[in-house]
Amino acid sequence: MPTQEKSEGRSLRVSTAALQGINLELYASYVYLSMSYYFDRDDVALKNFAKYFLHQSHEEREHAEKLMKLQNHEAVKSSFRILRNQTVMIGRMG
């Protein structure tokens, strides 16, 4: 395999891994945000837990943003998986 093809193959693998990392970081941010708002409810009222999980959500989003900036710097076209059928259920409904 010529050097250029090896380089392109490696670049594609790295880009794919980075995009997967971005998607995972965004999903983790969403989960933490959901947990934060659950603990912030009046019937749960664990405000310090809510604050902690909100902080974690922001931190995960920041990780995703750093990876996205790296992707932009490398001029890679980003495609993000929409979070479908990944509902986060915390606690009881009703």
N, C-alpha and C. Protein backbone atom coordinates (compact mmCIF):
# COMPACT_ATOMS: atom_id res chain seq x y z
N MET A 1 0.85 -1.18 0.00
CA MET A 1 0.00 0.00 0.00
C MET A 1 0.90 1.24 0.00
N PRO A 2 0.70 2.13 -0.97
CA PRO A 2 1.52 3.35 -1.01
C PRO A 2 1.33 4.19 0.26
N THR A 3 2.32 5.01 0.52
CA THR A 3 2.34 5.83 1.73
C THR A 3 1.13 6.74 1.82
N GLN A 4 0.72 7.37 0.71
CA GLN A 4 -0.42 8.28 0.73
C GLN A 4 -1.70 7.53 1.12
N GLU A 5 -1.90 6.33 0.58
CA GLU A 5 -3.09 5.54 0.92
C GLU A 5 -3.08 5.16 2.39
N LYS A 6 -1.91 4.80 2.92
CA LYS A 6 -1.80 4.48 4.34
C LYS A 6 -2.16 5.69 5.18
N SER A 7 -1.66 6.85 4.78
CA SER A 7 -1.93 8.08 5.51
C SER A 7 -3.41 8.42 5.48
N GLU A 8 -4.06 8.26 4.32
CA GLU A 8 -5.49 8.53 4.20
C GLU A 8 -6.30 7.55 5.02
N GLY A 9 -5.91 6.28 5.02
CA GLY A 9 -6.61 5.28 5.82
C GLY A 9 -6.50 5.56 7.30
N ARG A 10 -5.31 5.95 7.73
CA ARG A 10 -5.10 6.30 9.14
C ARG A 10 -5.92 7.53 9.49
N SER A 11 -5.91 8.53 8.60
CA SER A 11 -6.66 9.76 8.84
C SER A 11 -8.15 9.47 8.98
N LEU A 12 -8.67 8.58 8.14
CA LEU A 12 -10.08 8.22 8.21
C LEU A 12 -10.40 7.51 9.52
N ARG A 13 -9.53 6.60 9.95
CA ARG A 13 -9.74 5.89 11.22
C ARG A 13 -9.71 6.86 12.40
N VAL A 14 -8.77 7.79 12.38
CA VAL A 14 -8.66 8.77 13.46
C VAL A 14 -9.89 9.67 13.47
N SER A 15 -10.33 10.11 12.30
CA SER A 15 -11.51 10.96 12.21
C SER A 15 -12.76 10.24 12.69
N THR A 16 -12.89 8.98 12.31
CA THR A 16 -14.04 8.18 12.74
C THR A 16 -14.03 8.02 14.25
N ALA A 17 -12.87 7.74 14.81
CA ALA A 17 -12.76 7.60 16.27
C ALA A 17 -13.08 8.91 16.97
N ALA A 18 -12.62 10.03 16.42
CA ALA A 18 -12.91 11.33 17.02
C ALA A 18 -14.40 11.62 16.98
N LEU A 19 -15.06 11.32 15.86
CA LEU A 19 -16.50 11.54 15.75
C LEU A 19 -17.27 10.66 16.73
N GLN A 20 -16.83 9.43 16.90
CA GLN A 20 -17.47 8.55 17.89
C GLN A 20 -17.28 9.13 19.29
N GLY A 21 -16.09 9.65 19.56
CA GLY A 21 -15.83 10.28 20.85
C GLY A 21 -16.72 11.48 21.08
N ILE A 22 -16.90 12.30 20.05
CA ILE A 22 -17.78 13.47 20.15
C ILE A 22 -19.20 13.03 20.47
N ASN A 23 -19.69 12.04 19.75
CA ASN A 23 -21.05 11.55 19.99
C ASN A 23 -21.21 11.01 21.41
N LEU A 24 -20.22 10.29 21.90
CA LEU A 24 -20.29 9.76 23.26
C LEU A 24 -20.26 10.88 24.30
N GLU A 25 -19.43 11.88 24.08
CA GLU A 25 -19.36 13.01 25.02
C GLU A 25 -20.69 13.76 25.05
N LEU A 26 -21.29 13.98 23.87
CA LEU A 26 -22.57 14.68 23.82
C LEU A 26 -23.68 13.85 24.48
N TYR A 27 -23.65 12.55 24.27
CA TYR A 27 -24.65 11.69 24.91
C TYR A 27 -24.48 11.72 26.43
N ALA A 28 -23.24 11.64 26.90
CA ALA A 28 -23.00 11.71 28.35
C ALA A 28 -23.48 13.05 28.90
N SER A 29 -23.26 14.13 28.17
CA SER A 29 -23.73 15.44 28.60
C SER A 29 -25.25 15.44 28.73
N TYR A 30 -25.93 14.84 27.77
CA TYR A 30 -27.38 14.76 27.79
C TYR A 30 -27.87 13.94 29.00
N VAL A 31 -27.22 12.84 29.27
CA VAL A 31 -27.60 12.00 30.41
C VAL A 31 -27.43 12.77 31.72
N TYR A 32 -26.28 13.42 31.88
CA TYR A 32 -26.04 14.21 33.09
C TYR A 32 -27.04 15.36 33.22
N LEU A 33 -27.38 15.99 32.11
CA LEU A 33 -28.35 17.08 32.15
C LEU A 33 -29.72 16.55 32.59
N SER A 34 -30.10 15.40 32.07
CA SER A 34 -31.37 14.78 32.48
C SER A 34 -31.36 14.46 33.97
N MET A 35 -30.25 13.94 34.45
CA MET A 35 -30.14 13.62 35.87
C MET A 35 -30.22 14.89 36.71
N SER A 36 -29.58 15.95 36.25
CA SER A 36 -29.61 17.22 36.98
C SER A 36 -31.04 17.72 37.15
N TYR A 37 -31.79 17.70 36.07
CA TYR A 37 -33.16 18.20 36.16
C TYR A 37 -34.07 17.26 36.94
N TYR A 38 -33.76 15.99 36.96
CA TYR A 38 -34.52 15.08 37.82
C TYR A 38 -34.32 15.46 39.28
N PHE A 39 -33.07 15.64 39.69
CA PHE A 39 -32.78 15.97 41.09
C PHE A 39 -33.23 17.38 41.46
N ASP A 40 -33.48 18.22 40.48
CA ASP A 40 -33.93 19.59 40.73
C ASP A 40 -35.45 19.67 40.91
N ARG A 41 -36.16 18.59 40.63
CA ARG A 41 -37.62 18.61 40.77
C ARG A 41 -38.03 18.87 42.21
N ASP A 42 -39.19 19.50 42.39
CA ASP A 42 -39.69 19.81 43.73
C ASP A 42 -39.94 18.56 44.57
N ASP A 43 -40.41 17.48 43.93
CA ASP A 43 -40.71 16.26 44.69
C ASP A 43 -39.46 15.44 45.00
N VAL A 44 -38.32 15.79 44.41
CA VAL A 44 -37.06 15.11 44.71
C VAL A 44 -36.18 16.02 45.57
N ALA A 45 -36.02 17.25 45.11
CA ALA A 45 -35.37 18.33 45.87
C ALA A 45 -34.01 17.95 46.46
N LEU A 46 -33.13 17.47 45.62
CA LEU A 46 -31.75 17.23 46.03
C LEU A 46 -30.88 18.20 45.23
N LYS A 47 -30.90 19.44 45.64
CA LYS A 47 -30.29 20.53 44.87
C LYS A 47 -28.79 20.36 44.66
N ASN A 48 -28.09 19.82 45.65
CA ASN A 48 -26.64 19.63 45.46
C ASN A 48 -26.34 18.55 44.42
N PHE A 49 -27.18 17.51 44.37
CA PHE A 49 -27.03 16.51 43.32
C PHE A 49 -27.30 17.15 41.96
N ALA A 50 -28.35 17.98 41.91
CA ALA A 50 -28.69 18.67 40.66
C ALA A 50 -27.52 19.52 40.19
N LYS A 51 -26.94 20.25 41.11
CA LYS A 51 -25.81 21.13 40.78
C LYS A 51 -24.61 20.31 40.28
N TYR A 52 -24.34 19.20 40.96
CA TYR A 52 -23.22 18.33 40.59
C TYR A 52 -23.40 17.79 39.17
N PHE A 53 -24.59 17.26 38.86
CA PHE A 53 -24.81 16.67 37.55
C PHE A 53 -24.87 17.73 36.45
N LEU A 54 -25.33 18.93 36.78
CA LEU A 54 -25.30 20.01 35.80
C LEU A 54 -23.85 20.36 35.45
N HIS A 55 -23.01 20.41 36.47
CA HIS A 55 -21.58 20.67 36.24
C HIS A 55 -20.97 19.57 35.36
N GLN A 56 -21.31 18.32 35.64
CA GLN A 56 -20.79 17.21 34.84
C GLN A 56 -21.27 17.31 33.39
N SER A 57 -22.52 17.71 33.20
CA SER A 57 -23.06 17.88 31.85
C SER A 57 -22.26 18.92 31.08
N HIS A 58 -21.99 20.05 31.72
CA HIS A 58 -21.20 21.10 31.06
C HIS A 58 -19.79 20.62 30.74
N GLU A 59 -19.22 19.86 31.64
CA GLU A 59 -17.87 19.35 31.43
C GLU A 59 -17.81 18.40 30.22
N GLU A 60 -18.79 17.51 30.11
CA GLU A 60 -18.83 16.58 28.98
C GLU A 60 -19.03 17.34 27.67
N ARG A 61 -19.90 18.37 27.70
CA ARG A 61 -20.12 19.17 26.49
C ARG A 61 -18.83 19.88 26.08
N GLU A 62 -18.08 20.37 27.07
CA GLU A 62 -16.80 21.02 26.77
C GLU A 62 -15.82 20.05 26.12
N HIS A 63 -15.82 18.80 26.58
CA HIS A 63 -14.96 17.78 25.97
C HIS A 63 -15.33 17.61 24.49
N ALA A 64 -16.64 17.53 24.23
CA ALA A 64 -17.11 17.37 22.85
C ALA A 64 -16.71 18.57 22.00
N GLU A 65 -16.83 19.77 22.58
CA GLU A 65 -16.48 20.97 21.83
C GLU A 65 -14.99 21.00 21.49
N LYS A 66 -14.16 20.53 22.39
CA LYS A 66 -12.72 20.48 22.11
C LYS A 66 -12.43 19.52 20.96
N LEU A 67 -13.10 18.38 20.96
CA LEU A 67 -12.91 17.43 19.86
C LEU A 67 -13.43 18.00 18.55
N MET A 68 -14.55 18.75 18.60
CA MET A 68 -15.08 19.37 17.38
C MET A 68 -14.13 20.43 16.84
N LYS A 69 -13.52 21.20 17.73
CA LYS A 69 -12.54 22.20 17.29
C LYS A 69 -11.35 21.52 16.62
N LEU A 70 -10.93 20.39 17.18
CA LEU A 70 -9.84 19.63 16.57
C LEU A 70 -10.24 19.16 15.18
N GLN A 71 -11.47 18.67 15.05
CA GLN A 71 -11.95 18.22 13.74
C GLN A 71 -11.97 19.38 12.75
N ASN A 72 -12.43 20.55 13.19
CA ASN A 72 -12.44 21.72 12.31
C ASN A 72 -11.03 22.11 11.91
N HIS A 73 -10.12 22.04 12.85
CA HIS A 73 -8.72 22.38 12.57
C HIS A 73 -8.14 21.42 11.53
N GLU A 74 -8.56 20.18 11.60
CA GLU A 74 -8.07 19.18 10.65
C GLU A 74 -8.88 19.18 9.36
N ALA A 75 -9.87 20.09 9.26
CA ALA A 75 -10.72 20.24 8.07
C ALA A 75 -11.42 18.93 7.71
N VAL A 76 -11.98 18.29 8.73
CA VAL A 76 -12.71 17.05 8.52
C VAL A 76 -14.20 17.35 8.57
N LYS A 77 -14.94 16.81 7.62
CA LYS A 77 -16.38 17.00 7.61
C LYS A 77 -16.97 16.17 8.75
N SER A 78 -17.70 16.83 9.63
CA SER A 78 -18.29 16.14 10.78
C SER A 78 -19.71 15.71 10.47
N SER A 79 -20.04 14.52 10.93
CA SER A 79 -21.43 14.06 10.85
C SER A 79 -21.77 13.47 12.20
N PHE A 80 -22.84 13.97 12.78
CA PHE A 80 -23.21 13.56 14.12
C PHE A 80 -24.46 12.71 14.09
N ARG A 81 -24.41 11.67 14.84
CA ARG A 81 -25.54 10.75 14.96
C ARG A 81 -26.59 11.43 15.83
N ILE A 82 -27.82 11.43 15.36
CA ILE A 82 -28.91 12.00 16.15
C ILE A 82 -29.26 11.00 17.24
N LEU A 83 -29.48 11.52 18.44
CA LEU A 83 -29.77 10.66 19.58
C LEU A 83 -31.22 10.18 19.49
N ARG A 84 -31.43 9.16 18.69
CA ARG A 84 -32.75 8.57 18.55
C ARG A 84 -32.83 7.29 19.34
N ASN A 85 -33.97 7.02 19.87
CA ASN A 85 -34.22 5.78 20.59
C ASN A 85 -33.23 5.56 21.72
N GLN A 86 -32.76 6.63 22.31
CA GLN A 86 -31.84 6.53 23.43
C GLN A 86 -32.40 7.36 24.58
N THR A 87 -33.65 7.11 24.89
CA THR A 87 -34.32 7.87 25.93
C THR A 87 -33.72 7.53 27.28
N VAL A 88 -33.47 8.55 28.05
CA VAL A 88 -32.92 8.37 29.38
C VAL A 88 -34.08 8.51 30.36
N MET A 89 -34.37 7.46 31.08
CA MET A 89 -35.45 7.47 32.06
C MET A 89 -34.84 7.39 33.45
N ILE A 90 -35.16 8.36 34.26
CA ILE A 90 -34.67 8.39 35.63
C ILE A 90 -35.87 8.55 36.54
N GLY A 91 -35.99 7.67 37.49
CA GLY A 91 -37.09 7.76 38.44
C GLY A 91 -38.38 7.23 37.85
N ARG A 92 -39.47 7.48 38.55
CA ARG A 92 -40.77 7.00 38.11
C ARG A 92 -41.55 8.13 37.46
N MET A 93 -42.34 7.78 36.49
CA MET A 93 -43.22 8.75 35.85
C MET A 93 -44.52 8.79 36.63
N GLY A 94 -45.11 9.96 36.69
CA GLY A 94 -46.44 10.08 37.30
C GLY A 94 -46.47 10.37 38.75
